[in-house]
Structure formats: structure tokens, C-alpha cells
């Protein structure tokens, strides 16, 4: 019994660690913001996509960050939406790029998709742009759509700082 409990605890630790890091990246390691913007964001203690997501949750935060970086608010909102999609397990920067080319800009957009149709659109976009090495199957896309629906209903957004 003790051995079984230890096994469950070990797996819980593995799962917690993998979900905490599964979909967030150092801003310098992905092609989302320019190198000078990565440095400017780092000076504001924003180093990862998770940090950027947390710093763009409200219009006030977006305006403050846009002012600090001297970029349009729309650009900052776009970064936040990109990072929001990364919160879905199994969705990385390349998948977000393909989703965007398929017309999915935000988590809410993804939550409203038909998985079969979206799987076909992803394949079509990827044929044209060759971004993904391996295409997701319909069940994976269904998981993304369901996760997006859950996250877009979630009241766990950080408060305005």
C-alpha cells in the first residue's frame, strides 16, 4: 500500500511539473517579439510567455505595457492572445502560428471551432506554409477546443497590477 501511494505521489509530481512548463517559453527562444523588445520586457520582469500572458490580461495592463515599450496596444494584445493559446497543453508556438493562419486569433475563437473542420484547415494551412512536422489528429484538436472552452470560461485571470 505504501509503495502504491509513493508511486501515485511520484506521478503527481511528474504531471505537475510537465503541466507547469509544457506550454510556456522564454521570450528569446521563440519568434514572437524582436530581440530589443525581449530585453525591454526583461527589464520589466517579463521573461517568459507566461509572464507576458499575465502582464496583458486587462486593458489597463495592455496600455501600460504598450506605453512602456512604445508599441501600439494592438501589438501587445496580440502578444497576449498568442501567449493565451500557449496555455493549452500540447500547443506550442508553431501550432499557434498555424492556428493563426487558419483564422484562430484568440482562445475564444478556438473554443468555438468544430474539431473535424479545424483539423482539415490545419492540414491545409500547413501544406501551404510547412510549419508543423507532424499534424495533429482530430482527437488532439478536439482536446484543444475543449481546453480552450474551459480556459476561456475560467475566472482565474490575474487581477490588474
C-alpha atoms as a PDB file:
ATOM      1  CA  UNK A   1       0.000   0.000   0.000  1.00  0.00           C
ATOM      2  CA  UNK A   2       2.788   2.417   0.919  1.00  0.00           C
ATOM      3  CA  UNK A   3       4.585   1.612  -2.335  1.00  0.00           C
ATOM      4  CA  UNK A   4       1.370   2.325  -4.290  1.00  0.00           C
ATOM      5  CA  UNK A   5       0.946   5.696  -2.559  1.00  0.00           C
ATOM      6  CA  UNK A   6       4.590   6.572  -3.282  1.00  0.00           C
ATOM      7  CA  UNK A   7       4.035   5.703  -6.939  1.00  0.00           C
ATOM      8  CA  UNK A   8       0.943   7.941  -7.114  1.00  0.00           C
ATOM      9  CA  UNK A   9       2.806  10.805  -5.431  1.00  0.00           C
ATOM     10  CA  UNK A  10       5.724  10.426  -7.839  1.00  0.00           C
ATOM     11  CA  UNK A  11       3.408  10.530 -10.874  1.00  0.00           C
ATOM     12  CA  UNK A  12       1.555  13.537  -9.468  1.00  0.00           C
ATOM     13  CA  UNK A  13       4.890  15.363  -9.224  1.00  0.00           C
ATOM     14  CA  UNK A  14       5.778  14.471 -12.801  1.00  0.00           C
ATOM     15  CA  UNK A  15       2.389  15.620 -14.076  1.00  0.00           C
ATOM     16  CA  UNK A  16       2.518  18.866 -12.108  1.00  0.00           C
ATOM     17  CA  UNK A  17       5.997  19.639 -13.405  1.00  0.00           C
ATOM     18  CA  UNK A  18       5.107  18.859 -17.001  1.00  0.00           C
ATOM     19  CA  UNK A  19       1.921  20.926 -16.996  1.00  0.00           C
ATOM     20  CA  UNK A  20       3.682  23.851 -15.347  1.00  0.00           C
ATOM     21  CA  UNK A  21       6.271  24.017 -18.117  1.00  0.00           C
ATOM     22  CA  UNK A  22       4.522  22.294 -21.036  1.00  0.00           C
ATOM     23  CA  UNK A  23       3.378  25.336 -22.960  1.00  0.00           C
ATOM     24  CA  UNK A  24       5.420  28.330 -21.832  1.00  0.00           C
ATOM     25  CA  UNK A  25       8.680  29.506 -23.320  1.00  0.00           C
ATOM     26  CA  UNK A  26      11.440  32.037 -22.788  1.00  0.00           C
ATOM     27  CA  UNK A  27      10.556  35.016 -24.950  1.00  0.00           C
ATOM     28  CA  UNK A  28      14.020  34.972 -26.514  1.00  0.00           C
ATOM     29  CA  UNK A  29      13.564  31.383 -27.698  1.00  0.00           C
ATOM     30  CA  UNK A  30      10.520  31.969 -29.892  1.00  0.00           C
ATOM     31  CA  UNK A  31       9.864  34.397 -32.710  1.00  0.00           C
ATOM     32  CA  UNK A  32       7.163  36.495 -31.058  1.00  0.00           C
ATOM     33  CA  UNK A  33       8.890  39.760 -30.146  1.00  0.00           C
ATOM     34  CA  UNK A  34      12.027  41.412 -31.508  1.00  0.00           C
ATOM     35  CA  UNK A  35      15.324  40.955 -29.592  1.00  0.00           C
ATOM     36  CA  UNK A  36      15.289  44.590 -28.394  1.00  0.00           C
ATOM     37  CA  UNK A  37      11.750  44.041 -27.098  1.00  0.00           C
ATOM     38  CA  UNK A  38      12.848  40.866 -25.295  1.00  0.00           C
ATOM     39  CA  UNK A  39      15.450  42.973 -23.468  1.00  0.00           C
ATOM     40  CA  UNK A  40      12.940  45.716 -22.672  1.00  0.00           C
ATOM     41  CA  UNK A  41      10.432  43.150 -21.398  1.00  0.00           C
ATOM     42  CA  UNK A  42      13.118  41.529 -19.245  1.00  0.00           C
ATOM     43  CA  UNK A  43      13.724  44.902 -17.583  1.00  0.00           C
ATOM     44  CA  UNK A  44      10.018  44.799 -16.654  1.00  0.00           C
ATOM     45  CA  UNK A  45      10.439  41.257 -15.196  1.00  0.00           C
ATOM     46  CA  UNK A  46       8.677  39.692 -18.190  1.00  0.00           C
ATOM     47  CA  UNK A  47      10.894  36.868 -19.433  1.00  0.00           C
ATOM     48  CA  UNK A  48       8.513  34.082 -20.459  1.00  0.00           C
ATOM     49  CA  UNK A  49       5.314  33.703 -22.408  1.00  0.00           C
ATOM     50  CA  UNK A  50       3.583  33.009 -19.101  1.00  0.00           C
ATOM     51  CA  UNK A  51       4.875  36.322 -17.699  1.00  0.00           C
ATOM     52  CA  UNK A  52       3.718  38.114 -20.835  1.00  0.00           C
ATOM     53  CA  UNK A  53       0.301  36.470 -20.626  1.00  0.00           C
ATOM     54  CA  UNK A  54      -0.073  37.591 -17.004  1.00  0.00           C
ATOM     55  CA  UNK A  55       1.012  41.136 -17.923  1.00  0.00           C
ATOM     56  CA  UNK A  56      -1.611  41.501 -20.685  1.00  0.00           C
ATOM     57  CA  UNK A  57      -4.841  40.317 -19.065  1.00  0.00           C
ATOM     58  CA  UNK A  58      -6.571  43.650 -18.695  1.00  0.00           C
ATOM     59  CA  UNK A  59      -6.891  46.727 -20.922  1.00  0.00           C
ATOM     60  CA  UNK A  60      -5.026  48.748 -18.281  1.00  0.00           C
ATOM     61  CA  UNK A  61      -2.113  46.291 -18.301  1.00  0.00           C
ATOM     62  CA  UNK A  62      -2.030  46.294 -22.109  1.00  0.00           C
ATOM     63  CA  UNK A  63      -2.000  50.113 -22.199  1.00  0.00           C
ATOM     64  CA  UNK A  64       0.739  50.311 -19.562  1.00  0.00           C
ATOM     65  CA  UNK A  65       2.938  47.777 -21.366  1.00  0.00           C
ATOM     66  CA  UNK A  66       2.338  49.381 -24.779  1.00  0.00           C
ATOM     67  CA  UNK A  67       3.380  52.756 -23.334  1.00  0.00           C
ATOM     68  CA  UNK A  68       6.481  51.304 -21.697  1.00  0.00           C
ATOM     69  CA  UNK A  69       7.575  49.567 -24.912  1.00  0.00           C
ATOM     70  CA  UNK A  70       6.383  52.333 -27.263  1.00  0.00           C
ATOM     71  CA  UNK A  71       4.356  49.923 -29.383  1.00  0.00           C
ATOM     72  CA  UNK A  72       0.657  50.014 -30.326  1.00  0.00           C
ATOM     73  CA  UNK A  73      -1.815  48.463 -27.890  1.00  0.00           C
ATOM     74  CA  UNK A  74      -2.992  46.127 -30.642  1.00  0.00           C
ATOM     75  CA  UNK A  75       0.510  44.616 -30.832  1.00  0.00           C
ATOM     76  CA  UNK A  76       0.582  43.999 -27.073  1.00  0.00           C
ATOM     77  CA  UNK A  77      -2.939  42.498 -27.150  1.00  0.00           C
ATOM     78  CA  UNK A  78      -1.809  40.242 -29.990  1.00  0.00           C
ATOM     79  CA  UNK A  79       1.164  39.041 -27.924  1.00  0.00           C
ATOM     80  CA  UNK A  80      -1.143  38.329 -25.003  1.00  0.00           C
ATOM     81  CA  UNK A  81      -3.545  36.366 -27.194  1.00  0.00           C
ATOM     82  CA  UNK A  82      -0.625  34.346 -28.613  1.00  0.00           C
ATOM     83  CA  UNK A  83       0.534  33.513 -25.068  1.00  0.00           C
ATOM     84  CA  UNK A  84      -3.026  32.705 -24.011  1.00  0.00           C
ATOM     85  CA  UNK A  85      -3.197  29.973 -26.675  1.00  0.00           C
ATOM     86  CA  UNK A  86       0.071  28.553 -25.322  1.00  0.00           C
ATOM     87  CA  UNK A  87      -1.715  27.742 -22.059  1.00  0.00           C
ATOM     88  CA  UNK A  88      -3.303  24.754 -23.785  1.00  0.00           C
ATOM     89  CA  UNK A  89      -1.397  21.543 -23.207  1.00  0.00           C
ATOM     90  CA  UNK A  90       0.273  20.387 -26.409  1.00  0.00           C
ATOM     91  CA  UNK A  91       0.072  23.771 -28.123  1.00  0.00           C
ATOM     92  CA  UNK A  92       3.436  25.359 -28.822  1.00  0.00           C
ATOM     93  CA  UNK A  93       4.492  28.403 -30.827  1.00  0.00           C
ATOM     94  CA  UNK A  94       4.416  26.562 -34.175  1.00  0.00           C
ATOM     95  CA  UNK A  95       0.884  25.316 -33.541  1.00  0.00           C
ATOM     96  CA  UNK A  96      -0.215  28.833 -32.572  1.00  0.00           C
ATOM     97  CA  UNK A  97       1.228  30.163 -35.834  1.00  0.00           C
ATOM     98  CA  UNK A  98      -0.699  27.557 -37.828  1.00  0.00           C
ATOM     99  CA  UNK A  99      -3.876  28.290 -35.850  1.00  0.00           C
ATOM    100  CA  UNK A 100      -3.487  31.986 -36.597  1.00  0.00           C
ATOM    101  CA  UNK A 101      -3.011  31.320 -40.291  1.00  0.00           C
ATOM    102  CA  UNK A 102      -6.197  29.240 -40.071  1.00  0.00           C
ATOM    103  CA  UNK A 103      -8.048  32.270 -38.662  1.00  0.00           C
ATOM    104  CA  UNK A 104      -7.841  31.417 -34.939  1.00  0.00           C
ATOM    105  CA  UNK A 105      -6.503  34.516 -33.160  1.00  0.00           C
ATOM    106  CA  UNK A 106      -7.725  34.003 -29.598  1.00  0.00           C
ATOM    107  CA  UNK A 107      -8.643  31.330 -27.099  1.00  0.00           C
ATOM    108  CA  UNK A 108     -12.326  32.166 -27.537  1.00  0.00           C
ATOM    109  CA  UNK A 109     -12.004  31.656 -31.316  1.00  0.00           C
ATOM    110  CA  UNK A 110     -10.529  28.199 -30.749  1.00  0.00           C
ATOM    111  CA  UNK A 111     -13.225  27.266 -28.227  1.00  0.00           C
ATOM    112  CA  UNK A 112     -15.910  27.779 -30.913  1.00  0.00           C
ATOM    113  CA  UNK A 113     -14.377  25.524 -33.560  1.00  0.00           C
ATOM    114  CA  UNK A 114     -15.589  22.215 -34.919  1.00  0.00           C
ATOM    115  CA  UNK A 115     -12.622  19.841 -34.354  1.00  0.00           C
ATOM    116  CA  UNK A 116     -13.047  17.968 -37.653  1.00  0.00           C
ATOM    117  CA  UNK A 117     -13.191  21.145 -39.723  1.00  0.00           C
ATOM    118  CA  UNK A 118     -10.310  22.728 -37.830  1.00  0.00           C
ATOM    119  CA  UNK A 119      -8.158  19.608 -38.295  1.00  0.00           C
ATOM    120  CA  UNK A 120      -8.730  19.893 -42.046  1.00  0.00           C
ATOM    121  CA  UNK A 121      -7.930  23.637 -42.010  1.00  0.00           C
ATOM    122  CA  UNK A 122      -4.717  22.998 -40.057  1.00  0.00           C
ATOM    123  CA  UNK A 123      -3.643  20.424 -42.652  1.00  0.00           C
ATOM    124  CA  UNK A 124      -4.462  22.839 -45.478  1.00  0.00           C
ATOM    125  CA  UNK A 125      -2.567  25.742 -43.894  1.00  0.00           C
ATOM    126  CA  UNK A 126       0.388  23.511 -43.105  1.00  0.00           C
ATOM    127  CA  UNK A 127       0.547  22.238 -46.703  1.00  0.00           C
ATOM    128  CA  UNK A 128       0.870  25.835 -47.848  1.00  0.00           C
ATOM    129  CA  UNK A 129       3.258  27.117 -45.138  1.00  0.00           C
ATOM    130  CA  UNK A 130       5.086  23.944 -43.963  1.00  0.00           C
ATOM    131  CA  UNK A 131       5.314  24.918 -40.293  1.00  0.00           C
ATOM    132  CA  UNK A 132       4.453  21.673 -38.479  1.00  0.00           C
ATOM    133  CA  UNK A 133       6.384  18.469 -38.963  1.00  0.00           C
ATOM    134  CA  UNK A 134       3.601  16.292 -37.570  1.00  0.00           C
ATOM    135  CA  UNK A 135      -0.031  17.236 -37.975  1.00  0.00           C
ATOM    136  CA  UNK A 136      -2.434  16.857 -35.059  1.00  0.00           C
ATOM    137  CA  UNK A 137      -5.211  14.291 -35.356  1.00  0.00           C
ATOM    138  CA  UNK A 138      -8.856  15.153 -34.772  1.00  0.00           C
ATOM    139  CA  UNK A 139      -8.806  13.911 -31.173  1.00  0.00           C
ATOM    140  CA  UNK A 140      -5.880  16.194 -30.355  1.00  0.00           C
ATOM    141  CA  UNK A 141      -7.669  19.152 -31.923  1.00  0.00           C
ATOM    142  CA  UNK A 142     -10.830  18.186 -30.008  1.00  0.00           C
ATOM    143  CA  UNK A 143      -8.780  18.307 -26.793  1.00  0.00           C
ATOM    144  CA  UNK A 144      -7.507  21.785 -27.733  1.00  0.00           C
ATOM    145  CA  UNK A 145     -11.034  23.035 -28.447  1.00  0.00           C
ATOM    146  CA  UNK A 146     -12.337  21.646 -25.145  1.00  0.00           C
ATOM    147  CA  UNK A 147      -9.365  23.043 -23.221  1.00  0.00           C
ATOM    148  CA  UNK A 148      -9.872  26.444 -24.856  1.00  0.00           C
ATOM    149  CA  UNK A 149     -13.540  26.383 -23.840  1.00  0.00           C
ATOM    150  CA  UNK A 150     -12.592  25.611 -20.256  1.00  0.00           C
ATOM    151  CA  UNK A 151      -9.858  28.242 -20.109  1.00  0.00           C
ATOM    152  CA  UNK A 152     -11.982  30.944 -21.698  1.00  0.00           C
ATOM    153  CA  UNK A 153     -14.662  30.375 -19.033  1.00  0.00           C
ATOM    154  CA  UNK A 154     -12.075  30.275 -16.248  1.00  0.00           C
ATOM    155  CA  UNK A 155     -12.235  33.082 -13.690  1.00  0.00           C
ATOM    156  CA  UNK A 156      -8.523  32.590 -12.869  1.00  0.00           C
ATOM    157  CA  UNK A 157      -7.216  35.584 -14.773  1.00  0.00           C
ATOM    158  CA  UNK A 158      -4.782  37.659 -12.722  1.00  0.00           C
ATOM    159  CA  UNK A 159      -6.038  40.965 -11.403  1.00  0.00           C
ATOM    160  CA  UNK A 160      -4.792  44.227 -12.851  1.00  0.00           C
ATOM    161  CA  UNK A 161      -1.500  45.130 -11.205  1.00  0.00           C
END
